[in-house]
Amino acid sequence: MTRNTIILATTKPLEQQARQAFELRNQIRIQARELMEDNALAESFNITDRNMTWSDTVVKYSEQGFADDSLWLEIIDASTRSRTSVNQELCL
């Protein structure tokens, strides 16, 4: 069992699971920025690294060739990945 199946409502269709994962990721990013000690850096992330909309996310992965169930699975997977560039900037 992956961490996704623990959090997501796995009895729902994949598209709904993907949207739930997408929304959870955005909520976690917002909370993480609110808890950052460096408020200026957190604000700069709000400007330079904004949360994507659901539509933008679907378009992004569709343009990468994902479709049908593979599209939803990729969005779920992507919602659990951290951003390497942000991690490096924060020395994580």
Foldseek 3Di string as FASTA:
>chain_A
DDPLVVPFPVVDDLQVSLVVLLVVLLVVLVVVLVPDPPVVVSVVCCVPPNRDDPVVLLVVVVVVVDDDNRSSVVSNVVSPDDDPVVCVVVVD
